[in-house]
Each structure stands twice: as structure tokens, then as C-alpha cells.
Amino acid sequence: MLSRLALVALFMLTALAPTWGATIWTAPAMTRVQPRDPPTAARGIGISAARNEYEPFQVIVTAADDGLTGVTVGVSDLKGPRGALIPKNAIKLYREHYIQVMRPSYRCDAPPGWWPDALIPLDAPGGKYVGQPFAAPRGQNQPIWGEVLVPKGIPAGDYAGTILVDMGAAGRVSVPLRLHVWDFDLPDRATGKSDFGGLDRAVEYHQQHGSTTDRLTLYERYAAELIRHRVMPAPPGEAQPKINPDGSLDTTQSHPILKHYIDDLGLRSIRVRFRPDVTYLRNLYSYLQQNGWLELHHIYILDEPNDAEAYAKVRELAAVAHQANRGLKVLCTEQTITQDPAWGDLYGAVDIWVPLWALYDEPTAAQRLALGEEIWGYTALCQGEQPSPWWELDFPVLNYRIPMWVNGRYGMTGLLYWTTCYWEQTADPWTDPLTYKPSEQAVFNMEGSLLYPGLAVGIDGPVTSIRLKMIREGMEDYEYLALLAKRGKKDVADAEARKLARSWFDWEKDPTALLAARQRVAEAIEE
């Protein structure tokens, strides 16, 4: 068996002999490859994953002086132990699309430049941008993002195949791909909870740009893409029960839609509609209970209360929900420590606390957890006196993966992000990353935007991003920690999380440290 250290060592092998037209090399998924980064000595792909887990990699085509046209990339089946096979249709390939950052994000030290982010499926129909065949300008890199979805039920062990890069007259190069499959499975449904906002903006964008697809179909395409990445969108408005004047529910139209999202798409967290009506809320509780959905719901009654009046409003509305049934879970985007003692506190009103990472208070958070309440976390803009893993485009890609390790370190159970398709302030999200610019002095590149509208590549639906892929990797890491805890080794899981992610302000910045921690957790699960 090829050891995990040997797999990692594949990245250190001698560089591929360049053809006369290009050099082909590889890079780990947590490395952003800029257009003119020099090729490294990595000639093979060595990755590891559990069953039912996605695992990404990168292959880079660097064009020589004449540039390249008509490049195509394909993949073989992966052959494993005892005749086992991972079919090539379990491996998805994308062309990485560069977007130019002209003005660095607020508090970002990275210089302006070109950032790979949108992932165009190689089999996309094509439009303004294409998947393949593609061109590579002279002396520039064109990264290809690949990811394997390891099938359930296959034997653990080592699998091998190839990535084939065909450059026409410039030659063909086979890149070895080796995958170690761990002897455990990730669950179908996400363990980590989340709320990544609604998708109405995405639907409106498509409809304004010529789509004739109906609203619910468009919404579902975006929702399904997020759920595949183990993060949860708010269900569409059509999935919310109609509220009759007497507070009773009419679920005739909504129930099949919500059931489809939960049973078929795998929706794990449900943001339910709030109305300060005890009768309605009691009926809502009964409806959720009868369908076995109570553990999935939360009520988002007020966003970011920041004064005495807002604190009072949270207490007032939460009291109505809890009067209806104490089992209804009130979520509030506020920290567990009272912001101003003169405002009073929110203890007893809030069931799911969602503090901004920069405002996490460990002593009071531990007290709330001990009482059986939940704590999620969220980020928006670049807030806080000290840096936390901010989610703007030009911060390290590790920032998108590390938060679920911090969650594991603190016993937090979820993530919240306000939206994934905020394109209102940009001229074109494919060329202009300034999705949020509240002033000329402060810009936030790709804030609130983890997806791209696929119309530019011939897809009437979403195109994903490297940043969303890294959030998924973090959610999968959280599954590793949860599995280890379920197998009686919570202390080991907690220790690994603490070593890697010491606080929201102190985490390992080297991606290899994260991969090493993940490997130790995987080995502990297998033991």
C-alpha cells in the first residue's frame, strides 16, 4: 500500500519534462495559481478521501512562447484494490477563470492582480467563456480544477489513474493521479448546520438577462448546488406554508416543495417564516413535529440588534415564539456577551446564538452551551479589531476552510452567511469583483458572492467557485471531527482542532498543517 506520506511526496517529484509547447505541472487545491507563477517541481497528484467525500486537485498548463489553442483535458477510471474501480464520471473537471482585482479589499495586504475563482465545467455548453477546448496565452498558466467524488461501498485502499492533457501539435501529457480511500464514509446529510441566505437575487438576475426558465426551477438549481457543497440555502418562499387569517396553516402547495428539498435535495437547516402570532406558531410547531423536521428549523426574527430598542424587540418577539412552544428555536445574529449592560441581555430569548467571529466571547459562550443552547458563527465584511478568517476574494483561500475547525474547537455547530449571489453592485461578476463597495475608501471583493451566474458559459443556473469548494472542504473536515467524536474519541478530535485553530484570531496559516491534522483525524477514525 502506498503510504499517505508517499502520496504527499508525489508533489515533490521531478518536474514534468516540458513539451516544446508547454509545461504541465500540479498543485494542491489550497494553492491559488496566479497567471505567471513559475511551474513547481510537482508532477503527480496524490490525494486522500473518505467514501462519499469530494477531494480536489489542480493540474496547470503553462504555455510556452507561442501560446496554445485547442487544449483539452480528460481523465481515466481509477483502478484500485481487488479489481475495484472509481469510474471517470465520478471525476469532474473545470477550467479556472481569472478575475482581476484592481483595488484590494479593505484590510487586505495582497496586491492587485488576477485571481482564479470561477470554475467553468469543461463540458459547459459555452458562451462568452468556454470550458474546453481552451487557449493558454504565451507564458501564462491555465489551471484545471479537478475533484473526485469517492463512491460509497468501494474498498478502502489505493487507486490510480491519469489525467490526459492534449495540446494538439504541442503534444500529449499524462499526469498520474493517485487517491487513497479511507475506510469510512461521510454521511449523506451535513452534520454542520448552516444558513447561507436566500436565492431570489440569483433568480432575478437570470430572468433579467434573458432566461425563460421558471422561477422554482432556477431557485432549485442554485439551492441544489449549495447543498452539494454541504451548506444550506433558505428554502424558497413557495416552500413556506400559507398562513390563514385564523393562524391555521395551508400546506397544500408548500408541503411537496419543502419535502422535496429535505428528502431529495438533502436540505439540513430550514429557516421558517416568523409571525408574532401564537396560534400560527403553535400550528407551525405541530407541522414540523409531525413531519420529523423539528431539529432542522430555526426562526430568524431580527438581524444584528445593535441598540436598546433592538434588544427589547428580540426579547418581545422571542417571548411570543416561546409562549407558543418552548421547542421553537429562535436564532439571533448576536454574541453571547451583552453588548451594553444598559440594554439588558438576551438570555432566555435566544436559542441559537450567531456571533460575528470577531465578537465571539468564550466564557459566556461556554455558559450558553452548558445550558443546551447552540452557537453558530458568521462573517461579513472585514469586521473586528483583530483579523479573523475573512471571506473576501483576495484573502488566503485557507480562510474559507478553517472556520469549521474553529467551530469544532469551540463546540459550535453551524455557519451563517448572508447570501451567495450578491451581484447588484458589480457591472459583471465575471469581470468585476467589486460586489460590495459601501464607499470609495472601502471595497469588499466578492463579498456575499460565492456563486457566478452561469449564463456566460451557457448554463441557466449556477457556476461554483474555488471559495465555495473550500467551504465544502471545511464542512467535510467537520464531518471527520464529528465521526471521531461518535467513535468515542472526542478528546482526540478536540485536541486536533485546538492545535490547528486556537481561536478566531489565531490559526495555522500553512495549508499543509491542516492536511496533516486531517490525516491524523482520519487515521484515528480508522483505528
Protein backbone atom coordinates (compact mmCIF):
# COMPACT_ATOMS: atom_id res chain seq x y z
CA MET A 1 0.00 0.00 0.00
CA LEU A 2 1.22 3.49 -0.81
CA SER A 3 1.53 5.39 2.47
CA ARG A 4 -0.12 8.74 2.99
CA LEU A 5 3.32 10.32 3.30
CA ALA A 6 4.25 8.84 -0.05
CA LEU A 7 1.10 10.32 -1.57
CA VAL A 8 2.03 13.74 -0.29
CA ALA A 9 5.56 13.21 -1.56
CA LEU A 10 4.25 12.94 -5.11
CA PHE A 11 4.10 16.72 -5.09
CA MET A 12 7.86 16.85 -4.56
CA LEU A 13 8.90 14.74 -7.55
CA THR A 14 10.93 15.97 -10.51
CA ALA A 15 9.19 18.42 -12.80
CA LEU A 16 7.49 17.08 -15.88
CA ALA A 17 9.70 17.31 -18.93
CA PRO A 18 8.12 20.18 -20.88
CA THR A 19 6.88 19.62 -24.38
CA TRP A 20 8.04 22.14 -26.94
CA GLY A 21 4.76 24.00 -26.44
CA ALA A 22 4.05 23.86 -22.69
CA THR A 23 4.90 22.64 -19.22
CA ILE A 24 2.34 20.60 -17.29
CA TRP A 25 2.51 20.61 -13.51
CA THR A 26 0.29 20.14 -10.47
CA ALA A 27 -0.60 21.97 -7.28
CA PRO A 28 -2.62 21.21 -4.14
CA ALA A 29 -6.15 22.57 -4.08
CA MET A 30 -5.35 25.13 -1.37
CA THR A 31 -2.76 26.82 -3.61
CA ARG A 32 -4.01 29.68 -5.74
CA VAL A 33 -2.09 29.66 -9.01
CA GLN A 34 -1.60 33.15 -10.45
CA PRO A 35 -1.23 33.57 -14.22
CA ARG A 36 2.56 33.96 -14.16
CA ASP A 37 3.55 31.81 -11.19
CA PRO A 38 6.55 29.69 -12.20
CA PRO A 39 5.92 25.94 -12.51
CA THR A 40 6.87 23.91 -9.46
CA ALA A 41 8.53 20.52 -9.35
CA ALA A 42 5.23 18.71 -8.75
CA ARG A 43 4.46 16.13 -11.44
CA GLY A 44 1.76 13.98 -9.90
CA ILE A 45 -1.44 14.20 -7.90
CA GLY A 46 -1.61 12.47 -4.53
CA ILE A 47 -4.81 12.92 -2.53
CA SER A 48 -6.83 11.06 0.09
CA ALA A 49 -10.51 10.99 0.95
CA ALA A 50 -13.23 9.08 2.73
CA ARG A 51 -16.01 7.39 0.84
CA ASN A 52 -18.81 9.80 -0.09
CA GLU A 53 -16.36 12.70 0.03
CA TYR A 54 -15.19 15.11 -2.66
CA GLU A 55 -11.45 15.64 -2.92
CA PRO A 56 -9.97 18.33 -5.20
CA PHE A 57 -6.68 18.77 -7.07
CA GLN A 58 -5.17 21.06 -9.70
CA VAL A 59 -3.34 20.48 -13.00
CA ILE A 60 -1.75 23.52 -14.62
CA VAL A 61 -0.95 24.09 -18.27
CA THR A 62 1.80 26.68 -18.74
CA ALA A 63 2.11 27.80 -22.34
CA ALA A 64 5.48 28.41 -23.95
CA ASP A 65 6.36 31.34 -26.21
CA ASP A 66 3.85 30.62 -28.95
CA GLY A 67 0.89 30.05 -26.62
CA LEU A 68 -1.62 27.24 -27.07
CA THR A 69 -5.02 26.75 -28.62
CA GLY A 70 -7.40 23.83 -28.72
CA VAL A 71 -6.27 22.29 -25.42
CA THR A 72 -8.45 19.53 -23.98
CA VAL A 73 -8.19 17.63 -20.69
CA GLY A 74 -9.63 14.23 -19.86
CA VAL A 75 -9.41 11.63 -17.11
CA SER A 76 -9.29 7.85 -16.87
CA ASP A 77 -11.02 5.49 -14.47
CA LEU A 78 -9.16 4.98 -11.19
CA LYS A 79 -8.22 1.35 -10.58
CA GLY A 80 -8.00 0.11 -7.01
CA PRO A 81 -7.62 -3.00 -4.86
CA ARG A 82 -9.23 -6.32 -5.81
CA GLY A 83 -10.42 -5.01 -9.16
CA ALA A 84 -12.33 -2.08 -7.62
CA LEU A 85 -12.92 0.89 -9.87
CA ILE A 86 -13.80 4.56 -9.47
CA PRO A 87 -15.35 5.43 -12.84
CA LYS A 88 -14.16 8.51 -14.65
CA ASN A 89 -17.64 10.01 -14.47
CA ALA A 90 -17.04 10.37 -10.70
CA ILE A 91 -14.28 12.89 -11.52
CA LYS A 92 -15.35 16.40 -12.52
CA LEU A 93 -13.00 18.81 -14.30
CA TYR A 94 -13.25 22.60 -14.50
CA ARG A 95 -11.30 25.40 -16.14
CA GLU A 96 -10.36 28.06 -13.61
CA HIS A 97 -11.45 31.54 -14.64
CA TYR A 98 -9.32 34.53 -13.62
CA ILE A 99 -10.84 37.74 -12.34
CA GLN A 100 -8.81 40.93 -11.90
CA VAL A 101 -8.69 42.66 -8.53
CA MET A 102 -7.92 46.30 -9.23
CA ARG A 103 -8.45 47.52 -5.67
CA PRO A 104 -7.56 45.24 -2.76
CA SER A 105 -10.27 44.51 -0.25
CA TYR A 106 -10.42 46.55 2.93
CA ARG A 107 -7.65 45.44 5.32
CA CYS A 108 -6.16 43.05 2.75
CA ASP A 109 -2.39 43.07 2.28
CA ALA A 110 -2.38 41.22 -1.04
CA PRO A 111 -1.51 43.40 -4.05
CA PRO A 112 -3.83 43.91 -7.02
CA GLY A 113 -3.72 41.09 -9.53
CA TRP A 114 -5.51 38.22 -11.22
CA TRP A 115 -7.23 35.65 -9.01
CA PRO A 116 -8.52 32.23 -10.11
CA ASP A 117 -12.02 31.68 -8.76
CA ALA A 118 -14.97 30.78 -11.01
CA LEU A 119 -14.91 27.12 -12.08
CA ILE A 120 -16.22 26.56 -15.60
CA PRO A 121 -17.17 22.91 -16.18
CA LEU A 122 -15.14 21.55 -19.07
CA ASP A 123 -18.38 20.18 -20.51
CA ALA A 124 -20.21 23.53 -20.27
CA PRO A 125 -22.17 24.37 -23.45
CA GLY A 126 -20.14 27.56 -23.89
CA GLY A 127 -20.95 31.21 -24.40
CA LYS A 128 -18.82 34.22 -23.63
CA TYR A 129 -16.49 31.80 -21.82
CA VAL A 130 -15.82 28.15 -22.65
CA GLY A 131 -14.78 25.07 -20.74
CA GLN A 132 -12.79 23.31 -23.45
CA PRO A 133 -11.11 23.30 -25.86
CA PHE A 134 -9.36 26.31 -24.40
CA ALA A 135 -6.43 28.56 -25.20
CA ALA A 136 -3.45 29.39 -22.99
CA PRO A 137 -1.72 32.71 -23.75
CA ARG A 138 2.05 32.83 -24.16
CA GLY A 139 3.92 32.36 -20.90
CA GLN A 140 0.75 32.12 -18.80
CA ASN A 141 -0.83 29.45 -16.64
CA GLN A 142 -4.22 27.88 -17.16
CA PRO A 143 -5.17 25.86 -14.07
CA ILE A 144 -7.63 22.97 -14.29
CA TRP A 145 -9.55 22.17 -11.14
CA GLY A 146 -10.49 18.54 -10.65
CA GLU A 147 -12.38 16.72 -7.93
CA VAL A 148 -13.16 13.09 -7.24
CA LEU A 149 -16.42 12.07 -5.57
CA VAL A 150 -15.46 8.79 -3.91
CA PRO A 151 -18.31 6.31 -4.34
CA LYS A 152 -19.90 4.69 -1.34
CA GLY A 153 -19.33 0.98 -0.91
CA ILE A 154 -15.93 0.68 -2.60
CA PRO A 155 -12.97 -0.97 -0.83
CA ALA A 156 -10.55 1.21 1.08
CA GLY A 157 -7.04 1.43 -0.28
CA ASP A 158 -5.05 2.97 -3.10
CA TYR A 159 -6.45 3.88 -6.52
CA ALA A 160 -4.57 5.12 -9.58
CA GLY A 161 -5.37 6.66 -12.94
CA THR A 162 -4.29 9.50 -15.19
CA ILE A 163 -5.22 12.99 -16.29
CA LEU A 164 -4.55 13.39 -20.01
CA VAL A 165 -3.71 16.86 -21.35
CA ASP A 166 -3.96 17.00 -25.15
CA MET A 167 -2.35 20.09 -26.72
CA GLY A 168 -2.65 19.05 -30.34
CA ALA A 169 0.58 19.67 -32.21
CA ALA A 170 2.28 20.60 -28.92
CA GLY A 171 1.90 17.04 -27.65
CA ARG A 172 0.01 14.99 -25.08
CA VAL A 173 0.96 14.55 -21.43
CA SER A 174 -0.37 12.04 -18.91
CA VAL A 175 -0.39 13.17 -15.29
CA PRO A 176 -0.55 10.38 -12.69
CA LEU A 177 -3.47 10.63 -10.27
CA ARG A 178 -3.33 8.58 -7.08
CA LEU A 179 -6.05 8.51 -4.44
CA HIS A 180 -6.03 6.82 -1.05
CA VAL A 181 -9.54 5.92 0.13
CA TRP A 182 -10.01 5.86 3.89
CA ASP A 183 -12.06 3.05 5.39
CA PHE A 184 -15.07 5.11 6.47
CA ASP A 185 -17.93 7.03 4.89
CA LEU A 186 -19.09 10.61 5.28
CA PRO A 187 -22.83 10.91 5.93
CA ASP A 188 -25.11 11.90 3.06
CA ARG A 189 -26.52 14.84 5.01
CA ALA A 190 -24.38 17.55 6.51
CA THR A 191 -23.71 17.35 10.24
CA GLY A 192 -22.75 21.02 10.44
CA LYS A 193 -25.77 23.31 10.26
CA SER A 194 -25.88 26.45 8.18
CA ASP A 195 -27.94 29.23 6.67
CA PHE A 196 -26.42 30.82 3.57
CA GLY A 197 -29.33 33.08 2.73
CA GLY A 198 -31.98 33.01 0.06
CA LEU A 199 -31.53 32.78 -3.69
CA ASP A 200 -34.13 35.18 -5.02
CA ARG A 201 -31.39 37.52 -6.28
CA ALA A 202 -29.98 34.76 -8.48
CA VAL A 203 -33.39 34.03 -9.96
CA GLU A 204 -33.97 37.72 -10.67
CA TYR A 205 -30.56 38.06 -12.34
CA HIS A 206 -31.26 35.19 -14.73
CA GLN A 207 -34.71 36.47 -15.57
CA GLN A 208 -33.36 39.98 -16.21
CA HIS A 209 -30.70 38.55 -18.54
CA GLY A 210 -32.95 36.54 -20.82
CA SER A 211 -33.68 33.28 -19.00
CA THR A 212 -37.07 31.76 -19.72
CA THR A 213 -36.71 29.03 -17.09
CA ASP A 214 -39.41 29.17 -14.44
CA ARG A 215 -38.62 30.62 -11.03
CA LEU A 216 -38.80 27.45 -8.94
CA THR A 217 -36.55 25.52 -11.31
CA LEU A 218 -33.91 28.26 -11.24
CA TYR A 219 -34.12 28.51 -7.46
CA GLU A 220 -33.70 24.75 -7.13
CA ARG A 221 -30.65 24.67 -9.39
CA TYR A 222 -28.89 27.15 -7.14
CA ALA A 223 -30.12 25.50 -3.96
CA ALA A 224 -29.02 22.04 -5.08
CA GLU A 225 -25.53 23.36 -5.87
CA LEU A 226 -25.16 24.79 -2.37
CA ILE A 227 -26.50 21.65 -0.72
CA ARG A 228 -23.99 19.57 -2.73
CA HIS A 229 -21.37 21.71 -1.02
CA ARG A 230 -22.87 20.90 2.42
CA VAL A 231 -24.16 24.43 3.01
CA MET A 232 -27.85 25.21 3.25
CA PRO A 233 -29.87 27.91 1.48
CA ALA A 234 -33.13 29.23 2.83
CA PRO A 235 -35.92 27.27 1.11
CA PRO A 236 -37.92 29.21 -1.49
CA GLY A 237 -40.90 31.24 -0.38
CA GLU A 238 -43.15 28.72 -2.11
CA ALA A 239 -41.99 26.09 0.42
CA GLN A 240 -43.36 28.11 3.35
CA PRO A 241 -46.91 27.20 4.48
CA LYS A 242 -49.62 29.71 3.73
CA ILE A 243 -50.90 31.35 6.92
CA ASN A 244 -54.66 31.66 7.12
CA PRO A 245 -56.29 34.63 8.94
CA ASP A 246 -57.07 32.40 11.95
CA GLY A 247 -53.43 31.26 12.26
CA SER A 248 -54.03 27.84 10.74
CA LEU A 249 -51.73 26.55 8.00
CA ASP A 250 -52.47 25.67 4.42
CA THR A 251 -49.67 23.37 3.26
CA THR A 252 -51.35 22.09 0.11
CA GLN A 253 -48.94 23.85 -2.24
CA SER A 254 -45.91 24.26 0.03
CA HIS A 255 -45.57 20.80 1.56
CA PRO A 256 -44.50 18.89 -1.59
CA ILE A 257 -41.86 21.55 -2.30
CA LEU A 258 -40.40 21.56 1.21
CA LYS A 259 -40.49 17.76 1.40
CA HIS A 260 -38.63 17.58 -1.91
CA TYR A 261 -35.94 19.92 -0.61
CA ILE A 262 -35.49 17.87 2.55
CA ASP A 263 -35.92 14.31 1.27
CA ASP A 264 -34.46 14.60 -2.23
CA LEU A 265 -32.03 17.53 -2.17
CA GLY A 266 -30.81 16.99 1.40
CA LEU A 267 -31.74 20.32 2.98
CA ARG A 268 -30.43 20.16 6.54
CA SER A 269 -31.46 23.53 8.01
CA ILE A 270 -34.81 25.26 7.50
CA ARG A 271 -35.33 28.95 8.06
CA VAL A 272 -39.07 29.10 8.81
CA ARG A 273 -41.31 32.11 8.43
CA PHE A 274 -41.94 34.12 11.59
CA ARG A 275 -45.11 35.95 12.52
CA PRO A 276 -45.81 37.19 16.07
CA ASP A 277 -48.97 35.08 16.27
CA VAL A 278 -49.11 32.39 18.95
CA THR A 279 -51.75 30.34 17.15
CA TYR A 280 -49.75 30.29 13.93
CA LEU A 281 -46.54 29.41 15.75
CA ARG A 282 -48.22 26.54 17.62
CA ASN A 283 -49.52 25.19 14.33
CA LEU A 284 -46.07 25.61 12.79
CA TYR A 285 -44.50 23.65 15.64
CA SER A 286 -47.04 20.84 15.22
CA TYR A 287 -46.45 20.75 11.49
CA LEU A 288 -42.69 20.46 11.89
CA GLN A 289 -43.06 17.85 14.62
CA GLN A 290 -45.47 15.69 12.63
CA ASN A 291 -43.03 15.58 9.72
CA GLY A 292 -39.93 14.93 11.82
CA TRP A 293 -38.40 18.30 10.92
CA LEU A 294 -38.17 19.97 14.32
CA GLU A 295 -34.42 19.52 14.62
CA LEU A 296 -33.93 21.26 11.26
CA HIS A 297 -35.75 24.52 11.90
CA HIS A 298 -34.79 27.95 13.17
CA ILE A 299 -36.61 31.28 13.37
CA TYR A 300 -34.58 34.30 12.22
CA ILE A 301 -36.55 37.07 13.91
CA LEU A 302 -34.21 40.09 13.80
CA ASP A 303 -30.83 40.74 12.22
CA GLU A 304 -27.93 42.19 14.22
CA PRO A 305 -29.65 44.00 17.11
CA ASN A 306 -27.39 46.95 17.89
CA ASP A 307 -29.22 49.20 20.32
CA ALA A 308 -31.53 49.05 23.33
CA GLU A 309 -34.66 49.19 21.18
CA ALA A 310 -33.50 46.26 19.03
CA TYR A 311 -32.60 44.20 22.12
CA ALA A 312 -36.08 44.85 23.50
CA LYS A 313 -37.60 43.80 20.18
CA VAL A 314 -35.73 40.50 20.23
CA ARG A 315 -36.99 39.77 23.74
CA GLU A 316 -40.54 40.70 22.74
CA LEU A 317 -40.66 38.56 19.60
CA ALA A 318 -38.84 35.62 21.19
CA ALA A 319 -41.35 35.66 24.04
CA VAL A 320 -44.16 35.16 21.53
CA ALA A 321 -42.34 32.22 19.92
CA HIS A 322 -41.59 30.62 23.26
CA GLN A 323 -45.13 31.19 24.52
CA ALA A 324 -46.33 29.19 21.53
CA ASN A 325 -43.87 26.38 22.26
CA ARG A 326 -40.55 26.38 24.06
CA GLY A 327 -39.28 23.97 21.43
CA LEU A 328 -39.27 26.66 18.75
CA LYS A 329 -35.68 27.77 18.21
CA VAL A 330 -35.01 31.48 17.95
CA LEU A 331 -31.82 32.40 16.08
CA CYS A 332 -30.16 35.77 16.53
CA THR A 333 -27.02 37.19 14.94
CA GLU A 334 -25.60 38.44 18.20
CA GLN A 335 -22.78 37.47 20.54
CA THR A 336 -23.39 35.71 23.86
CA ILE A 337 -21.98 38.57 25.93
CA THR A 338 -24.28 41.56 26.34
CA GLN A 339 -23.17 44.35 24.07
CA ASP A 340 -24.16 47.09 26.51
CA PRO A 341 -25.39 46.31 30.07
CA ALA A 342 -27.79 49.26 29.80
CA TRP A 343 -29.69 47.36 27.09
CA GLY A 344 -30.30 44.31 29.27
CA ASP A 345 -29.43 40.86 27.95
CA LEU A 346 -30.94 38.28 25.58
CA TYR A 347 -30.58 35.28 27.86
CA GLY A 348 -33.64 33.09 27.67
CA ALA A 349 -34.72 34.77 24.45
CA VAL A 350 -32.14 33.29 22.09
CA ASP A 351 -31.74 29.57 21.41
CA ILE A 352 -29.17 29.76 18.61
CA TRP A 353 -26.53 32.43 19.05
CA VAL A 354 -24.70 33.55 15.91
CA PRO A 355 -21.88 35.90 16.87
CA LEU A 356 -19.64 37.57 14.36
CA TRP A 357 -16.34 35.68 14.59
CA ALA A 358 -14.61 38.81 15.87
CA LEU A 359 -17.13 39.11 18.74
CA TYR A 360 -17.01 35.52 20.00
CA ASP A 361 -16.75 35.52 23.81
CA GLU A 362 -15.52 32.17 25.11
CA PRO A 363 -16.63 32.37 28.79
CA THR A 364 -20.26 33.32 28.10
CA ALA A 365 -20.42 31.02 25.07
CA ALA A 366 -19.40 28.10 27.27
CA GLN A 367 -22.16 29.01 29.72
CA ARG A 368 -24.80 29.05 26.97
CA LEU A 369 -23.60 25.73 25.56
CA ALA A 370 -23.81 24.20 29.03
CA LEU A 371 -27.48 25.22 29.12
CA GLY A 372 -28.17 23.33 25.90
CA GLU A 373 -28.25 26.32 23.58
CA GLU A 374 -26.47 26.32 20.22
CA ILE A 375 -23.79 28.61 18.85
CA TRP A 376 -23.06 29.17 15.20
CA GLY A 377 -20.76 31.80 13.73
CA TYR A 378 -20.73 34.20 10.81
CA THR A 379 -18.64 36.67 8.89
CA ALA A 380 -19.49 39.79 6.94
CA LEU A 381 -17.13 42.39 5.50
CA CYS A 382 -13.84 42.61 7.44
CA GLN A 383 -15.05 43.46 10.92
CA GLY A 384 -13.24 43.26 14.24
CA GLU A 385 -10.15 44.78 15.80
CA GLN A 386 -8.10 41.67 15.02
CA PRO A 387 -8.14 39.74 11.74
CA SER A 388 -10.37 36.67 11.60
CA PRO A 389 -10.67 34.36 8.54
CA TRP A 390 -12.36 36.97 6.37
CA TRP A 391 -14.08 35.79 3.18
CA GLU A 392 -13.15 38.39 0.55
CA LEU A 393 -11.70 37.06 -2.71
CA ASP A 394 -8.16 38.32 -2.17
CA PHE A 395 -7.60 36.77 1.27
CA PRO A 396 -5.94 33.33 1.52
CA VAL A 397 -8.16 30.51 0.32
CA LEU A 398 -7.46 28.70 3.62
CA ASN A 399 -9.76 31.29 5.25
CA TYR A 400 -12.75 29.55 3.73
CA ARG A 401 -11.83 26.13 5.15
CA ILE A 402 -10.58 26.90 8.63
CA PRO A 403 -13.84 28.18 10.24
CA MET A 404 -15.30 24.70 10.74
CA TRP A 405 -12.13 23.68 12.59
CA VAL A 406 -12.62 26.70 14.87
CA ASN A 407 -16.25 25.60 15.27
CA GLY A 408 -15.02 22.16 16.27
CA ARG A 409 -12.57 23.68 18.73
CA TYR A 410 -15.34 25.63 20.50
CA GLY A 411 -18.26 23.20 20.19
CA MET A 412 -20.05 25.47 17.72
CA THR A 413 -22.42 23.71 15.33
CA GLY A 414 -23.14 25.97 12.37
CA LEU A 415 -22.25 28.74 9.94
CA LEU A 416 -24.30 31.64 8.65
CA TYR A 417 -23.57 33.80 5.61
CA TRP A 418 -25.94 36.47 4.39
CA THR A 419 -26.07 35.44 0.72
CA THR A 420 -24.13 33.72 -2.04
CA CYS A 421 -25.19 35.72 -5.11
CA TYR A 422 -24.99 39.43 -4.33
CA TRP A 423 -24.35 40.88 -7.79
CA GLU A 424 -26.25 44.17 -7.59
CA GLN A 425 -23.24 46.47 -7.24
CA THR A 426 -20.98 44.86 -9.82
CA ALA A 427 -21.00 45.61 -13.52
CA ASP A 428 -20.44 41.91 -14.25
CA PRO A 429 -19.46 39.34 -11.59
CA TRP A 430 -17.29 37.54 -14.18
CA THR A 431 -15.07 40.57 -14.73
CA ASP A 432 -15.67 42.94 -11.81
CA PRO A 433 -15.21 41.55 -8.27
CA LEU A 434 -16.50 44.70 -6.52
CA THR A 435 -19.74 43.16 -5.34
CA TYR A 436 -19.87 45.34 -2.23
CA LYS A 437 -18.39 48.84 -2.08
CA PRO A 438 -20.02 51.00 0.57
CA SER A 439 -17.55 53.82 -0.04
CA GLU A 440 -14.60 54.79 -2.19
CA GLN A 441 -12.32 54.09 0.75
CA ALA A 442 -13.56 50.56 1.46
CA VAL A 443 -14.27 47.82 -1.05
CA PHE A 444 -15.02 44.15 -0.42
CA ASN A 445 -14.20 41.94 -3.39
CA MET A 446 -16.82 39.21 -3.94
CA GLU A 447 -18.47 39.87 -0.57
CA GLY A 448 -21.75 37.95 -0.48
CA SER A 449 -20.95 36.15 -3.73
CA LEU A 450 -19.80 32.53 -3.71
CA LEU A 451 -21.52 31.63 -6.98
CA TYR A 452 -21.48 33.03 -10.51
CA PRO A 453 -24.45 33.31 -12.91
CA GLY A 454 -23.89 30.55 -15.46
CA LEU A 455 -25.44 32.31 -18.46
CA ALA A 456 -21.95 33.45 -19.52
CA VAL A 457 -20.95 29.80 -20.09
CA GLY A 458 -24.25 28.56 -21.47
CA ILE A 459 -25.65 27.30 -18.15
CA ASP A 460 -29.04 28.56 -16.99
CA GLY A 461 -28.03 28.06 -13.38
CA PRO A 462 -25.00 28.50 -11.10
CA VAL A 463 -21.28 28.20 -11.67
CA THR A 464 -19.38 27.47 -8.49
CA SER A 465 -16.15 28.98 -7.16
CA ILE A 466 -12.90 27.86 -5.58
CA ARG A 467 -14.01 29.67 -2.42
CA LEU A 468 -17.23 27.65 -2.17
CA LYS A 469 -15.22 24.47 -2.76
CA MET A 470 -13.03 25.35 0.21
CA ILE A 471 -16.08 25.95 2.40
CA ARG A 472 -17.24 22.48 1.40
CA GLU A 473 -13.81 21.08 2.32
CA GLY A 474 -14.21 22.66 5.76
CA MET A 475 -17.68 21.15 6.16
CA GLU A 476 -16.20 17.76 5.25
CA ASP A 477 -13.41 18.27 7.78
CA TYR A 478 -16.12 18.90 10.37
CA GLU A 479 -17.63 15.53 9.44
CA TYR A 480 -14.25 13.93 10.25
CA LEU A 481 -14.26 15.54 13.70
CA ALA A 482 -17.87 14.50 14.30
CA LEU A 483 -17.19 10.90 13.24
CA LEU A 484 -14.20 10.67 15.53
CA ALA A 485 -16.27 12.01 18.44
CA LYS A 486 -19.03 9.47 17.72
CA ARG A 487 -16.44 6.69 17.91
CA GLY A 488 -15.59 7.63 21.47
CA LYS A 489 -12.59 9.84 20.75
CA LYS A 490 -13.99 13.32 21.21
CA ASP A 491 -10.93 14.29 23.23
CA VAL A 492 -8.70 13.44 20.27
CA ALA A 493 -10.93 15.40 17.87
CA ASP A 494 -10.97 18.40 20.21
CA ALA A 495 -7.19 18.28 20.63
CA GLU A 496 -6.60 18.25 16.87
CA ALA A 497 -9.00 21.15 16.36
CA ARG A 498 -7.32 23.17 19.12
CA LYS A 499 -3.86 22.58 17.67
CA LEU A 500 -4.92 23.79 14.25
CA ALA A 501 -7.41 26.51 15.17
CA ARG A 502 -6.60 28.06 18.52
CA SER A 503 -9.14 30.88 18.27
CA TRP A 504 -10.92 33.06 15.75
CA PHE A 505 -7.77 35.22 15.71
CA ASP A 506 -5.09 32.53 15.84
CA TRP A 507 -4.96 29.64 13.37
CA GLU A 508 -2.33 27.80 11.36
CA LYS A 509 -1.75 29.63 8.09
CA ASP A 510 0.12 26.79 6.39
CA PRO A 511 -2.27 24.55 4.41
CA THR A 512 -0.01 21.54 4.99
CA ALA A 513 -0.70 21.83 8.74
CA LEU A 514 -4.43 21.49 8.04
CA LEU A 515 -3.91 18.47 5.79
CA ALA A 516 -1.69 16.85 8.40
CA ALA A 517 -4.36 17.36 11.09
CA ARG A 518 -7.00 15.92 8.76
CA GLN A 519 -4.81 12.87 8.14
CA ARG A 520 -4.32 12.28 11.87
CA VAL A 521 -8.07 12.50 12.44
CA ALA A 522 -8.71 10.06 9.57
CA GLU A 523 -6.19 7.59 10.97
CA ALA A 524 -7.78 7.87 14.41
CA ILE A 525 -11.20 7.13 12.89
CA GLU A 526 -9.82 4.04 11.16
CA GLU A 527 -8.23 2.84 14.37
